[in-house]
PDBML (XML) file of the C-alpha atoms, coordinates in Angstrom:
<?xml version="1.0" encoding="UTF-8" ?>
<PDBx:datablock datablockName="MODEL"
   xmlns:PDBx="http://pdbml.pdb.org/schema/pdbx-v50.xsd"
   xmlns:xsi="http://www.w3.org/2001/XMLSchema-instance"
   xsi:schemaLocation="http://pdbml.pdb.org/schema/pdbx-v50.xsd pdbx-v50.xsd">
   <PDBx:atom_siteCategory>
      <PDBx:atom_site id="1">
         <PDBx:B_iso_or_equiv>0.00</PDBx:B_iso_or_equiv>
         <PDBx:Cartn_x>-7.545</PDBx:Cartn_x>
         <PDBx:Cartn_y>27.042</PDBx:Cartn_y>
         <PDBx:Cartn_z>9.028</PDBx:Cartn_z>
         <PDBx:auth_asym_id>A</PDBx:auth_asym_id>
         <PDBx:auth_atom_id>CA</PDBx:auth_atom_id>
         <PDBx:auth_comp_id>VAL</PDBx:auth_comp_id>
         <PDBx:auth_seq_id>1</PDBx:auth_seq_id>
         <PDBx:group_PDB>ATOM</PDBx:group_PDB>
         <PDBx:label_alt_id xsi:nil="true" />
         <PDBx:label_asym_id>A</PDBx:label_asym_id>
         <PDBx:label_atom_id>CA</PDBx:label_atom_id>
         <PDBx:label_comp_id>VAL</PDBx:label_comp_id>
         <PDBx:label_entity_id>1</PDBx:label_entity_id>
         <PDBx:label_seq_id>1</PDBx:label_seq_id>
         <PDBx:occupancy>1.00</PDBx:occupancy>
         <PDBx:pdbx_PDB_model_num>1</PDBx:pdbx_PDB_model_num>
         <PDBx:type_symbol>C</PDBx:type_symbol>
      </PDBx:atom_site>
      <PDBx:atom_site id="2">
         <PDBx:B_iso_or_equiv>0.00</PDBx:B_iso_or_equiv>
         <PDBx:Cartn_x>-6.478</PDBx:Cartn_x>
         <PDBx:Cartn_y>26.890</PDBx:Cartn_y>
         <PDBx:Cartn_z>5.410</PDBx:Cartn_z>
         <PDBx:auth_asym_id>A</PDBx:auth_asym_id>
         <PDBx:auth_atom_id>CA</PDBx:auth_atom_id>
         <PDBx:auth_comp_id>ILE</PDBx:auth_comp_id>
         <PDBx:auth_seq_id>2</PDBx:auth_seq_id>
         <PDBx:group_PDB>ATOM</PDBx:group_PDB>
         <PDBx:label_alt_id xsi:nil="true" />
         <PDBx:label_asym_id>A</PDBx:label_asym_id>
         <PDBx:label_atom_id>CA</PDBx:label_atom_id>
         <PDBx:label_comp_id>ILE</PDBx:label_comp_id>
         <PDBx:label_entity_id>1</PDBx:label_entity_id>
         <PDBx:label_seq_id>2</PDBx:label_seq_id>
         <PDBx:occupancy>1.00</PDBx:occupancy>
         <PDBx:pdbx_PDB_model_num>1</PDBx:pdbx_PDB_model_num>
         <PDBx:type_symbol>C</PDBx:type_symbol>
      </PDBx:atom_site>
      <PDBx:atom_site id="3">
         <PDBx:B_iso_or_equiv>0.00</PDBx:B_iso_or_equiv>
         <PDBx:Cartn_x>-10.005</PDBx:Cartn_x>
         <PDBx:Cartn_y>26.193</PDBx:Cartn_y>
         <PDBx:Cartn_z>4.239</PDBx:Cartn_z>
         <PDBx:auth_asym_id>A</PDBx:auth_asym_id>
         <PDBx:auth_atom_id>CA</PDBx:auth_atom_id>
         <PDBx:auth_comp_id>LYS</PDBx:auth_comp_id>
         <PDBx:auth_seq_id>3</PDBx:auth_seq_id>
         <PDBx:group_PDB>ATOM</PDBx:group_PDB>
         <PDBx:label_alt_id xsi:nil="true" />
         <PDBx:label_asym_id>A</PDBx:label_asym_id>
         <PDBx:label_atom_id>CA</PDBx:label_atom_id>
         <PDBx:label_comp_id>LYS</PDBx:label_comp_id>
         <PDBx:label_entity_id>1</PDBx:label_entity_id>
         <PDBx:label_seq_id>3</PDBx:label_seq_id>
         <PDBx:occupancy>1.00</PDBx:occupancy>
         <PDBx:pdbx_PDB_model_num>1</PDBx:pdbx_PDB_model_num>
         <PDBx:type_symbol>C</PDBx:type_symbol>
      </PDBx:atom_site>
      <PDBx:atom_site id="4">
         <PDBx:B_iso_or_equiv>0.00</PDBx:B_iso_or_equiv>
         <PDBx:Cartn_x>-11.873</PDBx:Cartn_x>
         <PDBx:Cartn_y>28.607</PDBx:Cartn_y>
         <PDBx:Cartn_z>6.469</PDBx:Cartn_z>
         <PDBx:auth_asym_id>A</PDBx:auth_asym_id>
         <PDBx:auth_atom_id>CA</PDBx:auth_atom_id>
         <PDBx:auth_comp_id>GLU</PDBx:auth_comp_id>
         <PDBx:auth_seq_id>4</PDBx:auth_seq_id>
         <PDBx:group_PDB>ATOM</PDBx:group_PDB>
         <PDBx:label_alt_id xsi:nil="true" />
         <PDBx:label_asym_id>A</PDBx:label_asym_id>
         <PDBx:label_atom_id>CA</PDBx:label_atom_id>
         <PDBx:label_comp_id>GLU</PDBx:label_comp_id>
         <PDBx:label_entity_id>1</PDBx:label_entity_id>
         <PDBx:label_seq_id>4</PDBx:label_seq_id>
         <PDBx:occupancy>1.00</PDBx:occupancy>
         <PDBx:pdbx_PDB_model_num>1</PDBx:pdbx_PDB_model_num>
         <PDBx:type_symbol>C</PDBx:type_symbol>
      </PDBx:atom_site>
      <PDBx:atom_site id="5">
         <PDBx:B_iso_or_equiv>0.00</PDBx:B_iso_or_equiv>
         <PDBx:Cartn_x>-9.413</PDBx:Cartn_x>
         <PDBx:Cartn_y>31.485</PDBx:Cartn_y>
         <PDBx:Cartn_z>7.061</PDBx:Cartn_z>
         <PDBx:auth_asym_id>A</PDBx:auth_asym_id>
         <PDBx:auth_atom_id>CA</PDBx:auth_atom_id>
         <PDBx:auth_comp_id>LYS</PDBx:auth_comp_id>
         <PDBx:auth_seq_id>5</PDBx:auth_seq_id>
         <PDBx:group_PDB>ATOM</PDBx:group_PDB>
         <PDBx:label_alt_id xsi:nil="true" />
         <PDBx:label_asym_id>A</PDBx:label_asym_id>
         <PDBx:label_atom_id>CA</PDBx:label_atom_id>
         <PDBx:label_comp_id>LYS</PDBx:label_comp_id>
         <PDBx:label_entity_id>1</PDBx:label_entity_id>
         <PDBx:label_seq_id>5</PDBx:label_seq_id>
         <PDBx:occupancy>1.00</PDBx:occupancy>
         <PDBx:pdbx_PDB_model_num>1</PDBx:pdbx_PDB_model_num>
         <PDBx:type_symbol>C</PDBx:type_symbol>
      </PDBx:atom_site>
      <PDBx:atom_site id="6">
         <PDBx:B_iso_or_equiv>0.00</PDBx:B_iso_or_equiv>
         <PDBx:Cartn_x>-6.730</PDBx:Cartn_x>
         <PDBx:Cartn_y>31.507</PDBx:Cartn_y>
         <PDBx:Cartn_z>4.386</PDBx:Cartn_z>
         <PDBx:auth_asym_id>A</PDBx:auth_asym_id>
         <PDBx:auth_atom_id>CA</PDBx:auth_atom_id>
         <PDBx:auth_comp_id>MET</PDBx:auth_comp_id>
         <PDBx:auth_seq_id>6</PDBx:auth_seq_id>
         <PDBx:group_PDB>ATOM</PDBx:group_PDB>
         <PDBx:label_alt_id xsi:nil="true" />
         <PDBx:label_asym_id>A</PDBx:label_asym_id>
         <PDBx:label_atom_id>CA</PDBx:label_atom_id>
         <PDBx:label_comp_id>MET</PDBx:label_comp_id>
         <PDBx:label_entity_id>1</PDBx:label_entity_id>
         <PDBx:label_seq_id>6</PDBx:label_seq_id>
         <PDBx:occupancy>1.00</PDBx:occupancy>
         <PDBx:pdbx_PDB_model_num>1</PDBx:pdbx_PDB_model_num>
         <PDBx:type_symbol>C</PDBx:type_symbol>
      </PDBx:atom_site>
      <PDBx:atom_site id="7">
         <PDBx:B_iso_or_equiv>0.00</PDBx:B_iso_or_equiv>
         <PDBx:Cartn_x>-8.567</PDBx:Cartn_x>
         <PDBx:Cartn_y>30.478</PDBx:Cartn_y>
         <PDBx:Cartn_z>1.191</PDBx:Cartn_z>
         <PDBx:auth_asym_id>A</PDBx:auth_asym_id>
         <PDBx:auth_atom_id>CA</PDBx:auth_atom_id>
         <PDBx:auth_comp_id>ILE</PDBx:auth_comp_id>
         <PDBx:auth_seq_id>7</PDBx:auth_seq_id>
         <PDBx:group_PDB>ATOM</PDBx:group_PDB>
         <PDBx:label_alt_id xsi:nil="true" />
         <PDBx:label_asym_id>A</PDBx:label_asym_id>
         <PDBx:label_atom_id>CA</PDBx:label_atom_id>
         <PDBx:label_comp_id>ILE</PDBx:label_comp_id>
         <PDBx:label_entity_id>1</PDBx:label_entity_id>
         <PDBx:label_seq_id>7</PDBx:label_seq_id>
         <PDBx:occupancy>1.00</PDBx:occupancy>
         <PDBx:pdbx_PDB_model_num>1</PDBx:pdbx_PDB_model_num>
         <PDBx:type_symbol>C</PDBx:type_symbol>
      </PDBx:atom_site>
      <PDBx:atom_site id="8">
         <PDBx:B_iso_or_equiv>0.00</PDBx:B_iso_or_equiv>
         <PDBx:Cartn_x>-11.106</PDBx:Cartn_x>
         <PDBx:Cartn_y>33.349</PDBx:Cartn_y>
         <PDBx:Cartn_z>1.539</PDBx:Cartn_z>
         <PDBx:auth_asym_id>A</PDBx:auth_asym_id>
         <PDBx:auth_atom_id>CA</PDBx:auth_atom_id>
         <PDBx:auth_comp_id>PRO</PDBx:auth_comp_id>
         <PDBx:auth_seq_id>8</PDBx:auth_seq_id>
         <PDBx:group_PDB>ATOM</PDBx:group_PDB>
         <PDBx:label_alt_id xsi:nil="true" />
         <PDBx:label_asym_id>A</PDBx:label_asym_id>
         <PDBx:label_atom_id>CA</PDBx:label_atom_id>
         <PDBx:label_comp_id>PRO</PDBx:label_comp_id>
         <PDBx:label_entity_id>1</PDBx:label_entity_id>
         <PDBx:label_seq_id>8</PDBx:label_seq_id>
         <PDBx:occupancy>1.00</PDBx:occupancy>
         <PDBx:pdbx_PDB_model_num>1</PDBx:pdbx_PDB_model_num>
         <PDBx:type_symbol>C</PDBx:type_symbol>
      </PDBx:atom_site>
      <PDBx:atom_site id="9">
         <PDBx:B_iso_or_equiv>0.00</PDBx:B_iso_or_equiv>
         <PDBx:Cartn_x>-8.184</PDBx:Cartn_x>
         <PDBx:Cartn_y>35.836</PDBx:Cartn_y>
         <PDBx:Cartn_z>1.731</PDBx:Cartn_z>
         <PDBx:auth_asym_id>A</PDBx:auth_asym_id>
         <PDBx:auth_atom_id>CA</PDBx:auth_atom_id>
         <PDBx:auth_comp_id>ALA</PDBx:auth_comp_id>
         <PDBx:auth_seq_id>9</PDBx:auth_seq_id>
         <PDBx:group_PDB>ATOM</PDBx:group_PDB>
         <PDBx:label_alt_id xsi:nil="true" />
         <PDBx:label_asym_id>A</PDBx:label_asym_id>
         <PDBx:label_atom_id>CA</PDBx:label_atom_id>
         <PDBx:label_comp_id>ALA</PDBx:label_comp_id>
         <PDBx:label_entity_id>1</PDBx:label_entity_id>
         <PDBx:label_seq_id>9</PDBx:label_seq_id>
         <PDBx:occupancy>1.00</PDBx:occupancy>
         <PDBx:pdbx_PDB_model_num>1</PDBx:pdbx_PDB_model_num>
         <PDBx:type_symbol>C</PDBx:type_symbol>
      </PDBx:atom_site>
      <PDBx:atom_site id="10">
         <PDBx:B_iso_or_equiv>0.00</PDBx:B_iso_or_equiv>
         <PDBx:Cartn_x>-6.704</PDBx:Cartn_x>
         <PDBx:Cartn_y>34.922</PDBx:Cartn_y>
         <PDBx:Cartn_z>-1.691</PDBx:Cartn_z>
         <PDBx:auth_asym_id>A</PDBx:auth_asym_id>
         <PDBx:auth_atom_id>CA</PDBx:auth_atom_id>
         <PDBx:auth_comp_id>THR</PDBx:auth_comp_id>
         <PDBx:auth_seq_id>10</PDBx:auth_seq_id>
         <PDBx:group_PDB>ATOM</PDBx:group_PDB>
         <PDBx:label_alt_id xsi:nil="true" />
         <PDBx:label_asym_id>A</PDBx:label_asym_id>
         <PDBx:label_atom_id>CA</PDBx:label_atom_id>
         <PDBx:label_comp_id>THR</PDBx:label_comp_id>
         <PDBx:label_entity_id>1</PDBx:label_entity_id>
         <PDBx:label_seq_id>10</PDBx:label_seq_id>
         <PDBx:occupancy>1.00</PDBx:occupancy>
         <PDBx:pdbx_PDB_model_num>1</PDBx:pdbx_PDB_model_num>
         <PDBx:type_symbol>C</PDBx:type_symbol>
      </PDBx:atom_site>
      <PDBx:atom_site id="11">
         <PDBx:B_iso_or_equiv>0.00</PDBx:B_iso_or_equiv>
         <PDBx:Cartn_x>-7.687</PDBx:Cartn_x>
         <PDBx:Cartn_y>33.545</PDBx:Cartn_y>
         <PDBx:Cartn_z>-5.087</PDBx:Cartn_z>
         <PDBx:auth_asym_id>A</PDBx:auth_asym_id>
         <PDBx:auth_atom_id>CA</PDBx:auth_atom_id>
         <PDBx:auth_comp_id>GLU</PDBx:auth_comp_id>
         <PDBx:auth_seq_id>11</PDBx:auth_seq_id>
         <PDBx:group_PDB>ATOM</PDBx:group_PDB>
         <PDBx:label_alt_id xsi:nil="true" />
         <PDBx:label_asym_id>A</PDBx:label_asym_id>
         <PDBx:label_atom_id>CA</PDBx:label_atom_id>
         <PDBx:label_comp_id>GLU</PDBx:label_comp_id>
         <PDBx:label_entity_id>1</PDBx:label_entity_id>
         <PDBx:label_seq_id>11</PDBx:label_seq_id>
         <PDBx:occupancy>1.00</PDBx:occupancy>
         <PDBx:pdbx_PDB_model_num>1</PDBx:pdbx_PDB_model_num>
         <PDBx:type_symbol>C</PDBx:type_symbol>
      </PDBx:atom_site>
      <PDBx:atom_site id="12">
         <PDBx:B_iso_or_equiv>0.00</PDBx:B_iso_or_equiv>
         <PDBx:Cartn_x>-4.700</PDBx:Cartn_x>
         <PDBx:Cartn_y>31.257</PDBx:Cartn_y>
         <PDBx:Cartn_z>-5.162</PDBx:Cartn_z>
         <PDBx:auth_asym_id>A</PDBx:auth_asym_id>
         <PDBx:auth_atom_id>CA</PDBx:auth_atom_id>
         <PDBx:auth_comp_id>ASP</PDBx:auth_comp_id>
         <PDBx:auth_seq_id>12</PDBx:auth_seq_id>
         <PDBx:group_PDB>ATOM</PDBx:group_PDB>
         <PDBx:label_alt_id xsi:nil="true" />
         <PDBx:label_asym_id>A</PDBx:label_asym_id>
         <PDBx:label_atom_id>CA</PDBx:label_atom_id>
         <PDBx:label_comp_id>ASP</PDBx:label_comp_id>
         <PDBx:label_entity_id>1</PDBx:label_entity_id>
         <PDBx:label_seq_id>12</PDBx:label_seq_id>
         <PDBx:occupancy>1.00</PDBx:occupancy>
         <PDBx:pdbx_PDB_model_num>1</PDBx:pdbx_PDB_model_num>
         <PDBx:type_symbol>C</PDBx:type_symbol>
      </PDBx:atom_site>
      <PDBx:atom_site id="13">
         <PDBx:B_iso_or_equiv>0.00</PDBx:B_iso_or_equiv>
         <PDBx:Cartn_x>-4.163</PDBx:Cartn_x>
         <PDBx:Cartn_y>27.724</PDBx:Cartn_y>
         <PDBx:Cartn_z>-3.866</PDBx:Cartn_z>
         <PDBx:auth_asym_id>A</PDBx:auth_asym_id>
         <PDBx:auth_atom_id>CA</PDBx:auth_atom_id>
         <PDBx:auth_comp_id>ASP</PDBx:auth_comp_id>
         <PDBx:auth_seq_id>13</PDBx:auth_seq_id>
         <PDBx:group_PDB>ATOM</PDBx:group_PDB>
         <PDBx:label_alt_id xsi:nil="true" />
         <PDBx:label_asym_id>A</PDBx:label_asym_id>
         <PDBx:label_atom_id>CA</PDBx:label_atom_id>
         <PDBx:label_comp_id>ASP</PDBx:label_comp_id>
         <PDBx:label_entity_id>1</PDBx:label_entity_id>
         <PDBx:label_seq_id>13</PDBx:label_seq_id>
         <PDBx:occupancy>1.00</PDBx:occupancy>
         <PDBx:pdbx_PDB_model_num>1</PDBx:pdbx_PDB_model_num>
         <PDBx:type_symbol>C</PDBx:type_symbol>
      </PDBx:atom_site>
      <PDBx:atom_site id="14">
         <PDBx:B_iso_or_equiv>0.00</PDBx:B_iso_or_equiv>
         <PDBx:Cartn_x>-2.787</PDBx:Cartn_x>
         <PDBx:Cartn_y>27.587</PDBx:Cartn_y>
         <PDBx:Cartn_z>-0.312</PDBx:Cartn_z>
         <PDBx:auth_asym_id>A</PDBx:auth_asym_id>
         <PDBx:auth_atom_id>CA</PDBx:auth_atom_id>
         <PDBx:auth_comp_id>VAL</PDBx:auth_comp_id>
         <PDBx:auth_seq_id>14</PDBx:auth_seq_id>
         <PDBx:group_PDB>ATOM</PDBx:group_PDB>
         <PDBx:label_alt_id xsi:nil="true" />
         <PDBx:label_asym_id>A</PDBx:label_asym_id>
         <PDBx:label_atom_id>CA</PDBx:label_atom_id>
         <PDBx:label_comp_id>VAL</PDBx:label_comp_id>
         <PDBx:label_entity_id>1</PDBx:label_entity_id>
         <PDBx:label_seq_id>14</PDBx:label_seq_id>
         <PDBx:occupancy>1.00</PDBx:occupancy>
         <PDBx:pdbx_PDB_model_num>1</PDBx:pdbx_PDB_model_num>
         <PDBx:type_symbol>C</PDBx:type_symbol>
      </PDBx:atom_site>
      <PDBx:atom_site id="15">
         <PDBx:B_iso_or_equiv>0.00</PDBx:B_iso_or_equiv>
         <PDBx:Cartn_x>-0.265</PDBx:Cartn_x>
         <PDBx:Cartn_y>25.205</PDBx:Cartn_y>
         <PDBx:Cartn_z>1.166</PDBx:Cartn_z>
         <PDBx:auth_asym_id>A</PDBx:auth_asym_id>
         <PDBx:auth_atom_id>CA</PDBx:auth_atom_id>
         <PDBx:auth_comp_id>SER</PDBx:auth_comp_id>
         <PDBx:auth_seq_id>15</PDBx:auth_seq_id>
         <PDBx:group_PDB>ATOM</PDBx:group_PDB>
         <PDBx:label_alt_id xsi:nil="true" />
         <PDBx:label_asym_id>A</PDBx:label_asym_id>
         <PDBx:label_atom_id>CA</PDBx:label_atom_id>
         <PDBx:label_comp_id>SER</PDBx:label_comp_id>
         <PDBx:label_entity_id>1</PDBx:label_entity_id>
         <PDBx:label_seq_id>15</PDBx:label_seq_id>
         <PDBx:occupancy>1.00</PDBx:occupancy>
         <PDBx:pdbx_PDB_model_num>1</PDBx:pdbx_PDB_model_num>
         <PDBx:type_symbol>C</PDBx:type_symbol>
      </PDBx:atom_site>
      <PDBx:atom_site id="16">
         <PDBx:B_iso_or_equiv>0.00</PDBx:B_iso_or_equiv>
         <PDBx:Cartn_x>1.515</PDBx:Cartn_x>
         <PDBx:Cartn_y>25.180</PDBx:Cartn_y>
         <PDBx:Cartn_z>4.552</PDBx:Cartn_z>
         <PDBx:auth_asym_id>A</PDBx:auth_asym_id>
         <PDBx:auth_atom_id>CA</PDBx:auth_atom_id>
         <PDBx:auth_comp_id>VAL</PDBx:auth_comp_id>
         <PDBx:auth_seq_id>16</PDBx:auth_seq_id>
         <PDBx:group_PDB>ATOM</PDBx:group_PDB>
         <PDBx:label_alt_id xsi:nil="true" />
         <PDBx:label_asym_id>A</PDBx:label_asym_id>
         <PDBx:label_atom_id>CA</PDBx:label_atom_id>
         <PDBx:label_comp_id>VAL</PDBx:label_comp_id>
         <PDBx:label_entity_id>1</PDBx:label_entity_id>
         <PDBx:label_seq_id>16</PDBx:label_seq_id>
         <PDBx:occupancy>1.00</PDBx:occupancy>
         <PDBx:pdbx_PDB_model_num>1</PDBx:pdbx_PDB_model_num>
         <PDBx:type_symbol>C</PDBx:type_symbol>
      </PDBx:atom_site>
      <PDBx:atom_site id="17">
         <PDBx:B_iso_or_equiv>0.00</PDBx:B_iso_or_equiv>
         <PDBx:Cartn_x>4.104</PDBx:Cartn_x>
         <PDBx:Cartn_y>22.847</PDBx:Cartn_y>
         <PDBx:Cartn_z>6.064</PDBx:Cartn_z>
         <PDBx:auth_asym_id>A</PDBx:auth_asym_id>
         <PDBx:auth_atom_id>CA</PDBx:auth_atom_id>
         <PDBx:auth_comp_id>ALA</PDBx:auth_comp_id>
         <PDBx:auth_seq_id>17</PDBx:auth_seq_id>
         <PDBx:group_PDB>ATOM</PDBx:group_PDB>
         <PDBx:label_alt_id xsi:nil="true" />
         <PDBx:label_asym_id>A</PDBx:label_asym_id>
         <PDBx:label_atom_id>CA</PDBx:label_atom_id>
         <PDBx:label_comp_id>ALA</PDBx:label_comp_id>
         <PDBx:label_entity_id>1</PDBx:label_entity_id>
         <PDBx:label_seq_id>17</PDBx:label_seq_id>
         <PDBx:occupancy>1.00</PDBx:occupancy>
         <PDBx:pdbx_PDB_model_num>1</PDBx:pdbx_PDB_model_num>
         <PDBx:type_symbol>C</PDBx:type_symbol>
      </PDBx:atom_site>
      <PDBx:atom_site id="18">
         <PDBx:B_iso_or_equiv>0.00</PDBx:B_iso_or_equiv>
         <PDBx:Cartn_x>5.505</PDBx:Cartn_x>
         <PDBx:Cartn_y>23.104</PDBx:Cartn_y>
         <PDBx:Cartn_z>9.591</PDBx:Cartn_z>
         <PDBx:auth_asym_id>A</PDBx:auth_asym_id>
         <PDBx:auth_atom_id>CA</PDBx:auth_atom_id>
         <PDBx:auth_comp_id>ILE</PDBx:auth_comp_id>
         <PDBx:auth_seq_id>18</PDBx:auth_seq_id>
         <PDBx:group_PDB>ATOM</PDBx:group_PDB>
         <PDBx:label_alt_id xsi:nil="true" />
         <PDBx:label_asym_id>A</PDBx:label_asym_id>
         <PDBx:label_atom_id>CA</PDBx:label_atom_id>
         <PDBx:label_comp_id>ILE</PDBx:label_comp_id>
         <PDBx:label_entity_id>1</PDBx:label_entity_id>
         <PDBx:label_seq_id>18</PDBx:label_seq_id>
         <PDBx:occupancy>1.00</PDBx:occupancy>
         <PDBx:pdbx_PDB_model_num>1</PDBx:pdbx_PDB_model_num>
         <PDBx:type_symbol>C</PDBx:type_symbol>
      </PDBx:atom_site>
      <PDBx:atom_site id="19">
         <PDBx:B_iso_or_equiv>0.00</PDBx:B_iso_or_equiv>
         <PDBx:Cartn_x>8.486</PDBx:Cartn_x>
         <PDBx:Cartn_y>21.474</PDBx:Cartn_y>
         <PDBx:Cartn_z>11.241</PDBx:Cartn_z>
         <PDBx:auth_asym_id>A</PDBx:auth_asym_id>
         <PDBx:auth_atom_id>CA</PDBx:auth_atom_id>
         <PDBx:auth_comp_id>LEU</PDBx:auth_comp_id>
         <PDBx:auth_seq_id>19</PDBx:auth_seq_id>
         <PDBx:group_PDB>ATOM</PDBx:group_PDB>
         <PDBx:label_alt_id xsi:nil="true" />
         <PDBx:label_asym_id>A</PDBx:label_asym_id>
         <PDBx:label_atom_id>CA</PDBx:label_atom_id>
         <PDBx:label_comp_id>LEU</PDBx:label_comp_id>
         <PDBx:label_entity_id>1</PDBx:label_entity_id>
         <PDBx:label_seq_id>19</PDBx:label_seq_id>
         <PDBx:occupancy>1.00</PDBx:occupancy>
         <PDBx:pdbx_PDB_model_num>1</PDBx:pdbx_PDB_model_num>
         <PDBx:type_symbol>C</PDBx:type_symbol>
      </PDBx:atom_site>
      <PDBx:atom_site id="20">
         <PDBx:B_iso_or_equiv>0.00</PDBx:B_iso_or_equiv>
         <PDBx:Cartn_x>9.209</PDBx:Cartn_x>
         <PDBx:Cartn_y>21.578</PDBx:Cartn_y>
         <PDBx:Cartn_z>15.001</PDBx:Cartn_z>
         <PDBx:auth_asym_id>A</PDBx:auth_asym_id>
         <PDBx:auth_atom_id>CA</PDBx:auth_atom_id>
         <PDBx:auth_comp_id>TYR</PDBx:auth_comp_id>
         <PDBx:auth_seq_id>20</PDBx:auth_seq_id>
         <PDBx:group_PDB>ATOM</PDBx:group_PDB>
         <PDBx:label_alt_id xsi:nil="true" />
         <PDBx:label_asym_id>A</PDBx:label_asym_id>
         <PDBx:label_atom_id>CA</PDBx:label_atom_id>
         <PDBx:label_comp_id>TYR</PDBx:label_comp_id>
         <PDBx:label_entity_id>1</PDBx:label_entity_id>
         <PDBx:label_seq_id>20</PDBx:label_seq_id>
         <PDBx:occupancy>1.00</PDBx:occupancy>
         <PDBx:pdbx_PDB_model_num>1</PDBx:pdbx_PDB_model_num>
         <PDBx:type_symbol>C</PDBx:type_symbol>
      </PDBx:atom_site>
      <PDBx:atom_site id="21">
         <PDBx:B_iso_or_equiv>0.00</PDBx:B_iso_or_equiv>
         <PDBx:Cartn_x>12.589</PDBx:Cartn_x>
         <PDBx:Cartn_y>20.483</PDBx:Cartn_y>
         <PDBx:Cartn_z>16.325</PDBx:Cartn_z>
         <PDBx:auth_asym_id>A</PDBx:auth_asym_id>
         <PDBx:auth_atom_id>CA</PDBx:auth_atom_id>
         <PDBx:auth_comp_id>CYS</PDBx:auth_comp_id>
         <PDBx:auth_seq_id>21</PDBx:auth_seq_id>
         <PDBx:group_PDB>ATOM</PDBx:group_PDB>
         <PDBx:label_alt_id xsi:nil="true" />
         <PDBx:label_asym_id>A</PDBx:label_asym_id>
         <PDBx:label_atom_id>CA</PDBx:label_atom_id>
         <PDBx:label_comp_id>CYS</PDBx:label_comp_id>
         <PDBx:label_entity_id>1</PDBx:label_entity_id>
         <PDBx:label_seq_id>21</PDBx:label_seq_id>
         <PDBx:occupancy>1.00</PDBx:occupancy>
         <PDBx:pdbx_PDB_model_num>1</PDBx:pdbx_PDB_model_num>
         <PDBx:type_symbol>C</PDBx:type_symbol>
      </PDBx:atom_site>
      <PDBx:atom_site id="22">
         <PDBx:B_iso_or_equiv>0.00</PDBx:B_iso_or_equiv>
         <PDBx:Cartn_x>12.583</PDBx:Cartn_x>
         <PDBx:Cartn_y>19.936</PDBx:Cartn_y>
         <PDBx:Cartn_z>20.101</PDBx:Cartn_z>
         <PDBx:auth_asym_id>A</PDBx:auth_asym_id>
         <PDBx:auth_atom_id>CA</PDBx:auth_atom_id>
         <PDBx:auth_comp_id>GLY</PDBx:auth_comp_id>
         <PDBx:auth_seq_id>22</PDBx:auth_seq_id>
         <PDBx:group_PDB>ATOM</PDBx:group_PDB>
         <PDBx:label_alt_id xsi:nil="true" />
         <PDBx:label_asym_id>A</PDBx:label_asym_id>
         <PDBx:label_atom_id>CA</PDBx:label_atom_id>
         <PDBx:label_comp_id>GLY</PDBx:label_comp_id>
         <PDBx:label_entity_id>1</PDBx:label_entity_id>
         <PDBx:label_seq_id>22</PDBx:label_seq_id>
         <PDBx:occupancy>1.00</PDBx:occupancy>
         <PDBx:pdbx_PDB_model_num>1</PDBx:pdbx_PDB_model_num>
         <PDBx:type_symbol>C</PDBx:type_symbol>
      </PDBx:atom_site>
      <PDBx:atom_site id="23">
         <PDBx:B_iso_or_equiv>0.00</PDBx:B_iso_or_equiv>
         <PDBx:Cartn_x>15.238</PDBx:Cartn_x>
         <PDBx:Cartn_y>19.420</PDBx:Cartn_y>
         <PDBx:Cartn_z>22.752</PDBx:Cartn_z>
         <PDBx:auth_asym_id>A</PDBx:auth_asym_id>
         <PDBx:auth_atom_id>CA</PDBx:auth_atom_id>
         <PDBx:auth_comp_id>GLU</PDBx:auth_comp_id>
         <PDBx:auth_seq_id>23</PDBx:auth_seq_id>
         <PDBx:group_PDB>ATOM</PDBx:group_PDB>
         <PDBx:label_alt_id xsi:nil="true" />
         <PDBx:label_asym_id>A</PDBx:label_asym_id>
         <PDBx:label_atom_id>CA</PDBx:label_atom_id>
         <PDBx:label_comp_id>GLU</PDBx:label_comp_id>
         <PDBx:label_entity_id>1</PDBx:label_entity_id>
         <PDBx:label_seq_id>23</PDBx:label_seq_id>
         <PDBx:occupancy>1.00</PDBx:occupancy>
         <PDBx:pdbx_PDB_model_num>1</PDBx:pdbx_PDB_model_num>
         <PDBx:type_symbol>C</PDBx:type_symbol>
      </PDBx:atom_site>
      <PDBx:atom_site id="24">
         <PDBx:B_iso_or_equiv>0.00</PDBx:B_iso_or_equiv>
         <PDBx:Cartn_x>17.561</PDBx:Cartn_x>
         <PDBx:Cartn_y>16.434</PDBx:Cartn_y>
         <PDBx:Cartn_z>22.304</PDBx:Cartn_z>
         <PDBx:auth_asym_id>A</PDBx:auth_asym_id>
         <PDBx:auth_atom_id>CA</PDBx:auth_atom_id>
         <PDBx:auth_comp_id>ASP</PDBx:auth_comp_id>
         <PDBx:auth_seq_id>24</PDBx:auth_seq_id>
         <PDBx:group_PDB>ATOM</PDBx:group_PDB>
         <PDBx:label_alt_id xsi:nil="true" />
         <PDBx:label_asym_id>A</PDBx:label_asym_id>
         <PDBx:label_atom_id>CA</PDBx:label_atom_id>
         <PDBx:label_comp_id>ASP</PDBx:label_comp_id>
         <PDBx:label_entity_id>1</PDBx:label_entity_id>
         <PDBx:label_seq_id>24</PDBx:label_seq_id>
         <PDBx:occupancy>1.00</PDBx:occupancy>
         <PDBx:pdbx_PDB_model_num>1</PDBx:pdbx_PDB_model_num>
         <PDBx:type_symbol>C</PDBx:type_symbol>
      </PDBx:atom_site>
      <PDBx:atom_site id="25">
         <PDBx:B_iso_or_equiv>0.00</PDBx:B_iso_or_equiv>
         <PDBx:Cartn_x>16.057</PDBx:Cartn_x>
         <PDBx:Cartn_y>13.432</PDBx:Cartn_y>
         <PDBx:Cartn_z>24.020</PDBx:Cartn_z>
         <PDBx:auth_asym_id>A</PDBx:auth_asym_id>
         <PDBx:auth_atom_id>CA</PDBx:auth_atom_id>
         <PDBx:auth_comp_id>GLU</PDBx:auth_comp_id>
         <PDBx:auth_seq_id>25</PDBx:auth_seq_id>
         <PDBx:group_PDB>ATOM</PDBx:group_PDB>
         <PDBx:label_alt_id xsi:nil="true" />
         <PDBx:label_asym_id>A</PDBx:label_asym_id>
         <PDBx:label_atom_id>CA</PDBx:label_atom_id>
         <PDBx:label_comp_id>GLU</PDBx:label_comp_id>
         <PDBx:label_entity_id>1</PDBx:label_entity_id>
         <PDBx:label_seq_id>25</PDBx:label_seq_id>
         <PDBx:occupancy>1.00</PDBx:occupancy>
         <PDBx:pdbx_PDB_model_num>1</PDBx:pdbx_PDB_model_num>
         <PDBx:type_symbol>C</PDBx:type_symbol>
      </PDBx:atom_site>
   </PDBx:atom_siteCategory>
</PDBx:datablock>
């Protein structure tokens, strides 16, 4: 997604980081 969708929308480098915290196990 970064390469094909986000990079064409800007001239800048792009970085994304995602964290998901679920229910206590």
